[in-house]
PDB file of N, CA and C in Angstrom:
ATOM      1  N   MET A   1      10.773  -3.771 -28.321  1.00  0.00           N
ATOM      2  CA  MET A   1       9.925  -2.925 -27.519  1.00  0.00           C
ATOM      3  C   MET A   1       9.707  -3.829 -26.055  1.00  0.00           C
ATOM      4  N   PHE A   2       9.253  -5.376 -26.352  1.00  0.00           N
ATOM      5  CA  PHE A   2       9.042  -6.278 -25.313  1.00  0.00           C
ATOM      6  C   PHE A   2       9.984  -6.284 -24.796  1.00  0.00           C
ATOM      7  N   ALA A   3      11.640  -6.385 -25.313  1.00  0.00           N
ATOM      8  CA  ALA A   3      12.499  -6.414 -24.316  1.00  0.00           C
ATOM      9  C   ALA A   3      12.688  -5.145 -23.257  1.00  0.00           C
ATOM     10  N   LEU A   4      12.677  -4.175 -23.948  1.00  0.00           N
ATOM     11  CA  LEU A   4      12.525  -2.644 -23.068  1.00  0.00           C
ATOM     12  C   LEU A   4      11.311  -3.168 -21.986  1.00  0.00           C
ATOM     13  N   LEU A   5      10.124  -3.148 -22.142  1.00  0.00           N
ATOM     14  CA  LEU A   5       9.579  -3.655 -21.232  1.00  0.00           C
ATOM     15  C   LEU A   5       9.982  -4.722 -19.747  1.00  0.00           C
ATOM     16  N   LEU A   6      10.363  -5.528 -20.327  1.00  0.00           N
ATOM     17  CA  LEU A   6      10.846  -6.480 -19.522  1.00  0.00           C
ATOM     18  C   LEU A   6      11.969  -6.041 -18.742  1.00  0.00           C
ATOM     19  N   LEU A   7      12.732  -5.328 -19.432  1.00  0.00           N
ATOM     20  CA  LEU A   7      14.473  -4.476 -18.400  1.00  0.00           C
ATOM     21  C   LEU A   7      13.793  -3.434 -17.687  1.00  0.00           C
ATOM     22  N   LEU A   8      12.585  -2.533 -17.973  1.00  0.00           N
ATOM     23  CA  LEU A   8      11.753  -2.062 -17.143  1.00  0.00           C
ATOM     24  C   LEU A   8      11.530  -2.478 -16.006  1.00  0.00           C
ATOM     25  N   SER A   9      10.395  -3.460 -16.083  1.00  0.00           N
ATOM     26  CA  SER A   9      10.075  -4.217 -15.377  1.00  0.00           C
ATOM     27  C   SER A   9      11.055  -4.978 -14.038  1.00  0.00           C
ATOM     28  N   ASP A  10      11.846  -5.320 -15.154  1.00  0.00           N
ATOM     29  CA  ASP A  10      13.021  -5.965 -14.218  1.00  0.00           C
ATOM     30  C   ASP A  10      13.610  -4.870 -13.108  1.00  0.00           C
ATOM     31  N   VAL A  11      13.553  -3.629 -13.635  1.00  0.00           N
ATOM     32  CA  VAL A  11      14.001  -2.754 -12.798  1.00  0.00           C
ATOM     33  C   VAL A  11      13.175  -2.277 -11.518  1.00  0.00           C
ATOM     34  N   LEU A  12      12.138  -1.838 -11.905  1.00  0.00           N
ATOM     35  CA  LEU A  12      10.914  -1.893 -10.974  1.00  0.00           C
ATOM     36  C   LEU A  12      11.073  -2.787  -9.836  1.00  0.00           C
ATOM     37  N   ILE A  13      10.746  -3.826 -10.191  1.00  0.00           N
ATOM     38  CA  ILE A  13      10.919  -5.143  -9.363  1.00  0.00           C
ATOM     39  C   ILE A  13      12.410  -4.985  -8.140  1.00  0.00           C
ATOM     40  N   SER A  14      13.356  -4.928  -8.887  1.00  0.00           N
ATOM     41  CA  SER A  14      14.725  -4.882  -8.206  1.00  0.00           C
ATOM     42  C   SER A  14      14.643  -3.421  -6.957  1.00  0.00           C
ATOM     43  N   LEU A  15      13.406  -2.649  -7.284  1.00  0.00           N
ATOM     44  CA  LEU A  15      13.582  -1.272  -6.375  1.00  0.00           C
ATOM     45  C   LEU A  15      12.222  -1.615  -4.996  1.00  0.00           C
ATOM     46  N   PHE A  16      11.589  -2.716  -5.088  1.00  0.00           N
ATOM     47  CA  PHE A  16      10.945  -3.075  -3.704  1.00  0.00           C
ATOM     48  C   PHE A  16      11.474  -3.749  -2.992  1.00  0.00           C
ATOM     49  N   PRO A  17      12.242  -3.825  -2.770  1.00  0.00           N
ATOM     50  CA  PRO A  17      13.301  -4.514  -1.358  1.00  0.00           C
ATOM     51  C   PRO A  17      13.935  -3.659  -0.872  1.00  0.00           C
ATOM     52  N   VAL A  18      14.395  -2.387  -1.674  1.00  0.00           N
ATOM     53  CA  VAL A  18      14.851  -0.922  -1.086  1.00  0.00           C
ATOM     54  C   VAL A  18      13.698  -0.351  -0.498  1.00  0.00           C
ATOM     55  N   GLN A  19      12.335  -0.309  -1.107  1.00  0.00           N
ATOM     56  CA  GLN A  19      11.240   0.450  -0.377  1.00  0.00           C
ATOM     57  C   GLN A  19      10.512  -0.193   0.498  1.00  0.00           C
ATOM     58  N   SER A  20      10.526  -1.684   0.767  1.00  0.00           N
ATOM     59  CA  SER A  20      10.017  -2.199   1.712  1.00  0.00           C
ATOM     60  C   SER A  20      11.490  -1.625   2.839  1.00  0.00           C
ATOM     61  N   ARG A  21      12.323  -1.841   2.929  1.00  0.00           N
ATOM     62  CA  ARG A  21      13.394  -1.451   4.017  1.00  0.00           C
ATOM     63  C   ARG A  21      13.215   0.154   4.566  1.00  0.00           C
ATOM     64  N   LEU A  22      13.044   0.729   3.605  1.00  0.00           N
ATOM     65  CA  LEU A  22      13.118   2.315   3.572  1.00  0.00           C
ATOM     66  C   LEU A  22      11.643   2.752   4.634  1.00  0.00           C
ATOM     67  N   SER A  23      10.682   1.927   4.268  1.00  0.00           N
ATOM     68  CA  SER A  23       9.355   2.374   5.203  1.00  0.00           C
ATOM     69  C   SER A  23       9.853   1.977   6.618  1.00  0.00           C
ATOM     70  N   VAL A  24      10.837   0.642   6.585  1.00  0.00           N
ATOM     71  CA  VAL A  24      10.893   0.800   8.638  1.00  0.00           C
ATOM     72  C   VAL A  24      12.187   1.687   8.634  1.00  0.00           C
ATOM     73  N   ASN A  25      12.761   2.010   8.198  1.00  0.00           N
ATOM     74  CA  ASN A  25      13.843   2.843   8.602  1.00  0.00           C
ATOM     75  C   ASN A  25      12.855   4.288   8.269  1.00  0.00           C
ATOM     76  N   ALA A  26      12.324   4.923   7.736  1.00  0.00           N
ATOM     77  CA  ALA A  26      11.365   6.003   7.885  1.00  0.00           C
ATOM     78  C   ALA A  26      10.651   6.336   9.007  1.00  0.00           C
ATOM     79  N   VAL A  27      10.043   4.530   9.828  1.00  0.00           N
ATOM     80  CA  VAL A  27       9.349   4.726  11.198  1.00  0.00           C
ATOM     81  C   VAL A  27      10.220   5.094  11.998  1.00  0.00           C
ATOM     82  N   THR A  28      11.432   4.446  12.289  1.00  0.00           N
ATOM     83  CA  THR A  28      12.699   4.559  13.282  1.00  0.00           C
ATOM     84  C   THR A  28      12.925   5.887  13.390  1.00  0.00           C
ATOM     85  N   ALA A  29      13.070   6.851  11.810  1.00  0.00           N
ATOM     86  CA  ALA A  29      13.019   8.351  11.759  1.00  0.00           C
ATOM     87  C   ALA A  29      12.323   9.251  12.479  1.00  0.00           C
ATOM     88  N   GLY A  30      10.976   8.620  12.088  1.00  0.00           N
ATOM     89  CA  GLY A  30       9.947   9.489  12.782  1.00  0.00           C
ATOM     90  C   GLY A  30       8.864   9.772  11.797  1.00  0.00           C
ATOM     91  N   ASP A  31       9.124   9.437  10.421  1.00  0.00           N
ATOM     92  CA  ASP A  31       8.236   9.976   8.887  1.00  0.00           C
ATOM     93  C   ASP A  31       7.356   8.795   9.002  1.00  0.00           C
ATOM     94  N   TYR A  32       5.703   9.118   9.409  1.00  0.00           N
ATOM     95  CA  TYR A  32       4.940   7.879   9.542  1.00  0.00           C
ATOM     96  C   TYR A  32       4.147   8.198   8.567  1.00  0.00           C
ATOM     97  N   ASN A  33       4.302   9.025   8.024  1.00  0.00           N
ATOM     98  CA  ASN A  33       3.343   8.867   6.569  1.00  0.00           C
ATOM     99  C   ASN A  33       3.852   8.491   5.187  1.00  0.00           C
ATOM    100  N   ARG A  34       5.315   7.835   5.368  1.00  0.00           N
ATOM    101  CA  ARG A  34       6.549   7.526   4.168  1.00  0.00           C
ATOM    102  C   ARG A  34       5.800   6.391   4.004  1.00  0.00           C
ATOM    103  N   PRO A  35       5.955   5.178   5.114  1.00  0.00           N
ATOM    104  CA  PRO A  35       5.415   4.119   4.460  1.00  0.00           C
ATOM    105  C   PRO A  35       3.931   3.919   3.850  1.00  0.00           C
ATOM    106  N   VAL A  36       2.883   4.234   4.217  1.00  0.00           N
ATOM    107  CA  VAL A  36       1.720   4.233   3.894  1.00  0.00           C
ATOM    108  C   VAL A  36       1.778   4.945   2.453  1.00  0.00           C
ATOM    109  N   ARG A  37       2.456   5.541   2.035  1.00  0.00           N
ATOM    110  CA  ARG A  37       3.087   5.676   0.704  1.00  0.00           C
ATOM    111  C   ARG A  37       3.667   4.750  -0.227  1.00  0.00           C
ATOM    112  N   ILE A  38       4.464   4.477   0.371  1.00  0.00           N
ATOM    113  CA  ILE A  38       5.631   3.317  -0.402  1.00  0.00           C
ATOM    114  C   ILE A  38       4.632   2.141  -0.493  1.00  0.00           C
ATOM    115  N   ALA A  39       3.501   1.625   1.019  1.00  0.00           N
ATOM    116  CA  ALA A  39       3.048   0.148   0.442  1.00  0.00           C
ATOM    117  C   ALA A  39       1.983   0.834  -0.398  1.00  0.00           C
ATOM    118  N   SER A  40       1.377   2.084  -0.473  1.00  0.00           N
ATOM    119  CA  SER A  40      -0.026   2.294  -1.822  1.00  0.00           C
ATOM    120  C   SER A  40       0.803   2.014  -3.422  1.00  0.00           C
ATOM    121  N   PHE A  41       2.172   2.312  -3.401  1.00  0.00           N
ATOM    122  CA  PHE A  41       2.970   2.486  -4.557  1.00  0.00           C
ATOM    123  C   PHE A  41       3.196   1.419  -4.824  1.00  0.00           C
ATOM    124  N   ILE A  42       3.959   0.250  -3.593  1.00  0.00           N
ATOM    125  CA  ILE A  42       3.976  -1.671  -4.130  1.00  0.00           C
ATOM    126  C   ILE A  42       2.673  -1.879  -4.609  1.00  0.00           C
ATOM    127  N   GLY A  43       1.949  -1.490  -3.981  1.00  0.00           N
ATOM    128  CA  GLY A  43       0.368  -2.093  -4.162  1.00  0.00           C
ATOM    129  C   GLY A  43      -0.088  -2.299  -5.031  1.00  0.00           C
ATOM    130  N   ASP A  44       0.125  -0.776  -5.487  1.00  0.00           N
ATOM    131  CA  ASP A  44      -0.327  -0.333  -7.264  1.00  0.00           C
ATOM    132  C   ASP A  44       0.189  -1.508  -7.841  1.00  0.00           C
ATOM    133  N   LEU A  45       1.824  -1.226  -8.053  1.00  0.00           N
ATOM    134  CA  LEU A  45       2.329  -2.112  -9.222  1.00  0.00           C
ATOM    135  C   LEU A  45       2.067  -3.703  -8.761  1.00  0.00           C
ATOM    136  N   ASP A  46       1.858  -3.901  -7.713  1.00  0.00           N
ATOM    137  CA  ASP A  46       1.987  -5.195  -7.477  1.00  0.00           C
ATOM    138  C   ASP A  46       0.675  -5.913  -8.163  1.00  0.00           C
ATOM    139  N   ALA A  47      -0.740  -4.778  -8.280  1.00  0.00           N
ATOM    140  CA  ALA A  47      -1.616  -5.261  -8.862  1.00  0.00           C
ATOM    141  C   ALA A  47      -1.785  -5.025 -10.761  1.00  0.00           C
ATOM    142  N   GLY A  48      -1.028  -4.464 -11.015  1.00  0.00           N
ATOM    143  CA  GLY A  48      -0.725  -4.038 -12.453  1.00  0.00           C
ATOM    144  C   GLY A  48       0.589  -5.520 -13.067  1.00  0.00           C
ATOM    145  N   PHE A  49       1.412  -6.002 -12.225  1.00  0.00           N
ATOM    146  CA  PHE A  49       2.155  -7.313 -12.438  1.00  0.00           C
ATOM    147  C   PHE A  49       1.510  -8.106 -12.457  1.00  0.00           C
ATOM    148  N   ARG A  50       0.100  -8.636 -11.305  1.00  0.00           N
ATOM    149  CA  ARG A  50      -0.576  -9.483 -11.556  1.00  0.00           C
ATOM    150  C   ARG A  50      -1.428  -9.482 -13.287  1.00  0.00           C
ATOM    151  N   LEU A  51      -1.479  -8.095 -13.844  1.00  0.00           N
ATOM    152  CA  LEU A  51      -2.214  -8.395 -15.093  1.00  0.00           C
ATOM    153  C   LEU A  51      -1.258  -9.274 -16.313  1.00  0.00           C
ATOM    154  N   LEU A  52      -0.170  -9.357 -15.864  1.00  0.00           N
ATOM    155  CA  LEU A  52       0.397 -10.163 -16.931  1.00  0.00           C
ATOM    156  C   LEU A  52       0.940 -11.258 -16.866  1.00  0.00           C
ATOM    157  N   ASN A  53       0.737 -11.989 -17.792  1.00  0.00           N
ATOM    158  CA  ASN A  53       0.932 -13.670 -17.796  1.00  0.00           C
ATOM    159  C   ASN A  53       2.386 -14.340 -17.741  1.00  0.00           C
ATOM    160  N   LEU A  54       2.953 -14.104 -16.639  1.00  0.00           N
ATOM    161  CA  LEU A  54       4.489 -14.552 -16.217  1.00  0.00           C
ATOM    162  C   LEU A  54       4.395 -15.674 -16.433  1.00  0.00           C
ATOM    163  N   LYS A  55       5.360 -16.057 -17.326  1.00  0.00           N
ATOM    164  CA  LYS A  55       5.789 -17.557 -16.891  1.00  0.00           C
ATOM    165  C   LYS A  55       7.022 -18.110 -15.986  1.00  0.00           C
ATOM    166  N   ASN A  56       7.488 -19.259 -16.192  1.00  0.00           N
ATOM    167  CA  ASN A  56       8.061 -19.606 -15.123  1.00  0.00           C
ATOM    168  C   ASN A  56       9.672 -19.229 -15.771  1.00  0.00           C
ATOM    169  N   ASP A  57      10.144 -18.047 -15.289  1.00  0.00           N
ATOM    170  CA  ASP A  57      10.991 -17.223 -15.609  1.00  0.00           C
ATOM    171  C   ASP A  57      12.141 -16.484 -14.538  1.00  0.00           C
ATOM    172  N   SER A  58      13.034 -15.935 -14.665  1.00  0.00           N
ATOM    173  CA  SER A  58      13.254 -15.051 -13.402  1.00  0.00           C
ATOM    174  C   SER A  58      12.678 -13.963 -13.512  1.00  0.00           C
ATOM    175  N   LEU A  59      11.939 -13.209 -14.216  1.00  0.00           N
ATOM    176  CA  LEU A  59      10.821 -12.361 -14.070  1.00  0.00           C
ATOM    177  C   LEU A  59       9.800 -12.781 -13.125  1.00  0.00           C
ATOM    178  N   ARG A  60       9.487 -13.678 -13.555  1.00  0.00           N
ATOM    179  CA  ARG A  60       8.419 -14.467 -12.542  1.00  0.00           C
ATOM    180  C   ARG A  60       8.861 -14.580 -10.955  1.00  0.00           C
ATOM    181  N   LYS A  61      10.113 -15.214 -11.005  1.00  0.00           N
ATOM    182  CA  LYS A  61      11.016 -15.530  -9.525  1.00  0.00           C
ATOM    183  C   LYS A  61      10.954 -13.917  -8.748  1.00  0.00           C
ATOM    184  N   ARG A  62      10.878 -12.998  -9.470  1.00  0.00           N
ATOM    185  CA  ARG A  62      11.114 -12.057  -9.404  1.00  0.00           C
ATOM    186  C   ARG A  62      10.114 -11.193  -8.498  1.00  0.00           C
ATOM    187  N   TYR A  63       9.163 -11.235  -9.432  1.00  0.00           N
ATOM    188  CA  TYR A  63       7.763 -10.742  -9.027  1.00  0.00           C
ATOM    189  C   TYR A  63       7.131 -11.773  -7.606  1.00  0.00           C
ATOM    190  N   ASP A  64       7.605 -12.979  -7.610  1.00  0.00           N
ATOM    191  CA  ASP A  64       6.853 -13.744  -6.736  1.00  0.00           C
ATOM    192  C   ASP A  64       7.790 -12.841  -4.859  1.00  0.00           C
ATOM    193  N   ALA A  65       9.391 -12.511  -5.084  1.00  0.00           N
ATOM    194  CA  ALA A  65       9.786 -12.048  -4.274  1.00  0.00           C
ATOM    195  C   ALA A  65       8.828 -10.130  -3.715  1.00  0.00           C
ATOM    196  N   LEU A  66       8.409  -9.738  -4.668  1.00  0.00           N
ATOM    197  CA  LEU A  66       7.617  -9.088  -4.742  1.00  0.00           C
ATOM    198  C   LEU A  66       6.575  -8.746  -3.729  1.00  0.00           C
ATOM    199  N   LYS A  67       5.834  -9.794  -3.461  1.00  0.00           N
ATOM    200  CA  LYS A  67       4.510 -10.172  -2.472  1.00  0.00           C
ATOM    201  C   LYS A  67       5.351 -10.166  -1.205  1.00  0.00           C
ATOM    202  N   TYR A  68       6.384 -10.537  -0.921  1.00  0.00           N
ATOM    203  CA  TYR A  68       6.834 -10.750   0.219  1.00  0.00           C
ATOM    204  C   TYR A  68       7.324  -8.867   0.942  1.00  0.00           C
ATOM    205  N   ASP A  69       8.105  -8.368  -0.302  1.00  0.00           N
ATOM    206  CA  ASP A  69       7.991  -6.951   0.075  1.00  0.00           C
ATOM    207  C   ASP A  69       6.525  -6.232   0.488  1.00  0.00           C
ATOM    208  N   LEU A  70       5.761  -6.651  -0.201  1.00  0.00           N
ATOM    209  CA  LEU A  70       4.341  -5.585  -0.154  1.00  0.00           C
ATOM    210  C   LEU A  70       3.779  -6.132   1.138  1.00  0.00           C
ATOM    211  N   LYS A  71       4.113  -7.536   1.718  1.00  0.00           N
ATOM    212  CA  LYS A  71       3.505  -7.832   2.978  1.00  0.00           C
ATOM    213  C   LYS A  71       4.275  -7.111   3.941  1.00  0.00           C
ATOM    214  N   LYS A  72       5.666  -6.672   3.997  1.00  0.00           N
ATOM    215  CA  LYS A  72       6.278  -6.150   4.704  1.00  0.00           C
ATOM    216  C   LYS A  72       5.686  -4.454   4.977  1.00  0.00           C
ATOM    217  N   ALA A  73       5.585  -4.352   3.728  1.00  0.00           N
ATOM    218  CA  ALA A  73       5.479  -2.677   3.891  1.00  0.00           C
ATOM    219  C   ALA A  73       4.220  -2.421   4.310  1.00  0.00           C
ATOM    220  N   GLU A  74       3.273  -3.602   4.061  1.00  0.00           N
ATOM    221  CA  GLU A  74       1.807  -3.428   4.718  1.00  0.00           C
ATOM    222  C   GLU A  74       1.763  -3.516   6.082  1.00  0.00           C
ATOM    223  N   GLU A  75       2.470  -4.878   6.440  1.00  0.00           N
ATOM    224  CA  GLU A  75       2.967  -5.130   7.799  1.00  0.00           C
ATOM    225  C   GLU A  75       3.093  -3.446   8.630  1.00  0.00           C
ATOM    226  N   VAL A  76       4.032  -2.676   8.244  1.00  0.00           N
ATOM    227  CA  VAL A  76       4.695  -1.663   9.062  1.00  0.00           C
ATOM    228  C   VAL A  76       3.379  -0.614   9.263  1.00  0.00           C
ATOM    229  N   VAL A  77       2.448  -0.660   7.596  1.00  0.00           N
ATOM    230  CA  VAL A  77       1.076   0.107   7.674  1.00  0.00           C
ATOM    231  C   VAL A  77       0.270  -0.276   9.176  1.00  0.00           C
ATOM    232  N   TYR A  78       0.026  -1.750   9.152  1.00  0.00           N
ATOM    233  CA  TYR A  78      -0.747  -2.131   9.783  1.00  0.00           C
ATOM    234  C   TYR A  78       0.002  -1.618  11.780  1.00  0.00           C
ATOM    235  N   ASP A  79       0.893  -1.927  11.721  1.00  0.00           N
ATOM    236  CA  ASP A  79       1.441  -1.610  13.138  1.00  0.00           C
ATOM    237  C   ASP A  79       1.085   0.063  13.609  1.00  0.00           C
ATOM    238  N   LEU A  80       1.712   0.482  12.433  1.00  0.00           N
ATOM    239  CA  LEU A  80       1.473   2.325  12.309  1.00  0.00           C
ATOM    240  C   LEU A  80      -0.163   2.562  12.992  1.00  0.00           C
ATOM    241  N   THR A  81      -1.115   1.730  12.159  1.00  0.00           N
ATOM    242  CA  THR A  81      -2.365   2.095  12.394  1.00  0.00           C
ATOM    243  C   THR A  81      -3.014   1.586  13.707  1.00  0.00           C
ATOM    244  N   VAL A  82      -2.289   0.123  14.401  1.00  0.00           N
ATOM    245  CA  VAL A  82      -2.746  -0.305  15.387  1.00  0.00           C
ATOM    246  C   VAL A  82      -2.550   1.040  16.309  1.00  0.00           C
ATOM    247  N   ARG A  83      -1.270   1.532  16.555  1.00  0.00           N
ATOM    248  CA  ARG A  83      -0.483   2.337  17.700  1.00  0.00           C
ATOM    249  C   ARG A  83      -1.342   3.553  17.184  1.00  0.00           C
ATOM    250  N   GLY A  84      -1.990   3.616  16.537  1.00  0.00           N
ATOM    251  CA  GLY A  84      -2.881   4.934  16.504  1.00  0.00           C
ATOM    252  C   GLY A  84      -1.609   6.431  15.763  1.00  0.00           C
ATOM    253  N   LEU A  85      -0.388   5.803  15.347  1.00  0.00           N
ATOM    254  CA  LEU A  85       0.471   7.228  14.820  1.00  0.00           C
ATOM    255  C   LEU A  85       0.006   7.607  13.257  1.00  0.00           C
ATOM    256  N   VAL A  86      -0.622   6.446  12.836  1.00  0.00           N
ATOM    257  CA  VAL A  86      -1.266   7.330  11.304  1.00  0.00           C
ATOM    258  C   VAL A  86      -2.877   7.117  11.377  1.00  0.00           C
ATOM    259  N   ASN A  87      -3.356   8.230  10.804  1.00  0.00           N
ATOM    260  CA  ASN A  87      -4.949   8.233  10.650  1.00  0.00           C
ATOM    261  C   ASN A  87      -5.405   7.635   9.752  1.00  0.00           C
ATOM    262  N   ARG A  88      -6.629   6.628  10.169  1.00  0.00           N
ATOM    263  CA  ARG A  88      -6.975   5.641   9.420  1.00  0.00           C
ATOM    264  C   ARG A  88      -7.760   6.666   8.348  1.00  0.00           C
ATOM    265  N   PRO A  89      -8.030   6.662   7.307  1.00  0.00           N
ATOM    266  CA  PRO A  89      -8.711   7.177   6.023  1.00  0.00           C
ATOM    267  C   PRO A  89     -10.246   6.743   6.894  1.00  0.00           C
ATOM    268  N   PRO A  90     -11.363   7.459   6.109  1.00  0.00           N
ATOM    269  CA  PRO A  90     -12.594   7.038   6.653  1.00  0.00           C
ATOM    270  C   PRO A  90     -13.213   6.016   5.378  1.00  0.00           C
ATOM    271  N   PRO A  91     -14.112   5.236   5.519  1.00  0.00           N
ATOM    272  CA  PRO A  91     -14.472   4.401   4.478  1.00  0.00           C
ATOM    273  C   PRO A  91     -15.273   5.039   4.002  1.00  0.00           C
ATOM    274  N   ALA A  92     -15.519   5.315   2.569  1.00  0.00           N
ATOM    275  CA  ALA A  92     -16.272   5.866   2.106  1.00  0.00           C
ATOM    276  C   ALA A  92     -17.998   5.347   1.927  1.00  0.00           C
ATOM    277  N   ALA A  93     -18.077   3.879   1.887  1.00  0.00           N
ATOM    278  CA  ALA A  93     -19.859   3.653   2.355  1.00  0.00           C
ATOM    279  C   ALA A  93     -20.334   4.431   3.645  1.00  0.00           C
ATOM    280  N   ALA A  94     -19.103   4.386   4.573  1.00  0.00           N
ATOM    281  CA  ALA A  94     -19.650   5.002   6.450  1.00  0.00           C
ATOM    282  C   ALA A  94     -20.367   6.522   6.035  1.00  0.00           C
ATOM    283  N   THR A  95     -19.251   7.007   4.878  1.00  0.00           N
ATOM    284  CA  THR A  95     -19.429   8.724   5.133  1.00  0.00           C
ATOM    285  C   THR A  95     -20.753   8.730   4.457  1.00  0.00           C
ATOM    286  N   ASP A  96     -20.961   7.913   3.749  1.00  0.00           N
ATOM    287  CA  ASP A  96     -22.206   8.579   2.648  1.00  0.00           C
ATOM    288  C   ASP A  96     -23.588   7.628   3.836  1.00  0.00           C
ATOM    289  N   ASP A  97     -23.417   6.859   4.667  1.00  0.00           N
ATOM    290  CA  ASP A  97     -24.523   6.274   4.793  1.00  0.00           C
ATOM    291  C   ASP A  97     -24.615   7.103   6.444  1.00  0.00           C
ATOM    292  N   GLN A  98     -23.808   7.811   7.089  1.00  0.00           N
ATOM    293  CA  GLN A  98     -23.855   8.589   8.206  1.00  0.00           C
ATOM    294  C   GLN A  98     -24.991   9.647   7.640  1.00  0.00           C
ATOM    295  N   SER A  99     -24.287  10.704   6.263  1.00  0.00           N
ATOM    296  CA  SER A  99     -24.990  11.442   6.401  1.00  0.00           C
ATOM    297  C   SER A  99     -26.600  11.153   5.975  1.00  0.00           C
ATOM    298  N   THR A 100     -27.192   9.833   5.282  1.00  0.00           N
ATOM    299  CA  THR A 100     -28.247  10.133   4.804  1.00  0.00           C
ATOM    300  C   THR A 100     -29.393   9.279   5.732  1.00  0.00           C
ATOM    301  N   VAL A 101     -28.725   8.836   7.063  1.00  0.00           N
ATOM    302  CA  VAL A 101     -29.386   7.466   7.707  1.00  0.00           C
ATOM    303  C   VAL A 101     -29.887   8.270   8.666  1.00  0.00           C
ATOM    304  N   GLY A 102     -29.588   9.178   9.651  1.00  0.00           N
ATOM    305  CA  GLY A 102     -30.524  10.296  10.188  1.00  0.00           C
ATOM    306  C   GLY A 102     -29.901  11.315  10.920  1.00  0.00           C
ATOM    307  N   PRO A 103     -30.238  11.850  11.675  1.00  0.00           N
ATOM    308  CA  PRO A 103     -29.567  13.629  12.125  1.00  0.00           C
ATOM    309  C   PRO A 103     -28.205  13.241  12.906  1.00  0.00           C
ATOM    310  N   SER A 104     -27.631  14.143  12.394  1.00  0.00           N
ATOM    311  CA  SER A 104     -26.570  14.652  12.905  1.00  0.00           C
ATOM    312  C   SER A 104     -26.812  14.640  14.502  1.00  0.00           C
ATOM    313  N   GLU A 105     -25.377  14.543  15.009  1.00  0.00           N
ATOM    314  CA  GLU A 105     -25.002  14.550  16.834  1.00  0.00           C
ATOM    315  C   GLU A 105     -25.680  15.668  17.087  1.00  0.00           C
ATOM    316  N   GLU A 106     -25.465  16.905  16.596  1.00  0.00           N
ATOM    317  CA  GLU A 106     -25.258  18.375  16.874  1.00  0.00           C
ATOM    318  C   GLU A 106     -27.437  18.281  16.883  1.00  0.00           C
ATOM    319  N   GLU A 107     -27.927  17.665  15.712  1.00  0.00           N
ATOM    320  CA  GLU A 107     -29.432  17.806  15.617  1.00  0.00           C
ATOM    321  C   GLU A 107     -30.050  17.288  16.715  1.00  0.00           C
ATOM    322  N   ALA A 108     -28.824  15.693  16.981  1.00  0.00           N
ATOM    323  CA  ALA A 108     -29.829  15.060  18.145  1.00  0.00           C
ATOM    324  C   ALA A 108     -29.532  15.220  19.194  1.00  0.00           C
ATOM    325  N   SER A 109     -28.701  16.043  19.937  1.00  0.00           N
ATOM    326  CA  SER A 109     -28.453  16.599  21.212  1.00  0.00           C
ATOM    327  C   SER A 109     -29.131  18.000  21.032  1.00  0.00           C
ATOM    328  N   LYS A 110     -30.052  18.806  20.508  1.00  0.00           N
ATOM    329  CA  LYS A 110     -30.677  19.598  20.599  1.00  0.00           C
ATOM    330  C   LYS A 110     -32.384  18.975  20.894  1.00  0.00           C
ATOM    331  N   SER A 111     -32.090  17.903  20.497  1.00  0.00           N
ATOM    332  CA  SER A 111     -33.732  17.788  20.608  1.00  0.00           C
ATOM    333  C   SER A 111     -33.988  16.758  22.085  1.00  0.00           C
TER     334      SER A 111
END
């Protein structure tokens, strides 16, 4: 069972360089939403691998390479966001604060 888990994680880690290159190529092709989904996917799996206690073996070395692939995918998303090609999701705290703090813009303009 443990060997199967190691094999599966090794296969997953080998997909990340391809995914980070795909995010760059997707931007070139004009698909600006795919890099956001790729960065989210790699980030979620990175969080899962951080929970594991990896010793100094080949899986640990490949996980270290995963961090660089995640960084590359996040840089693509950052560039798209700065250039205004991808909509930023509104922060959850700011949406709650705006609705409870004071009157809306419509109400303020009426008075």
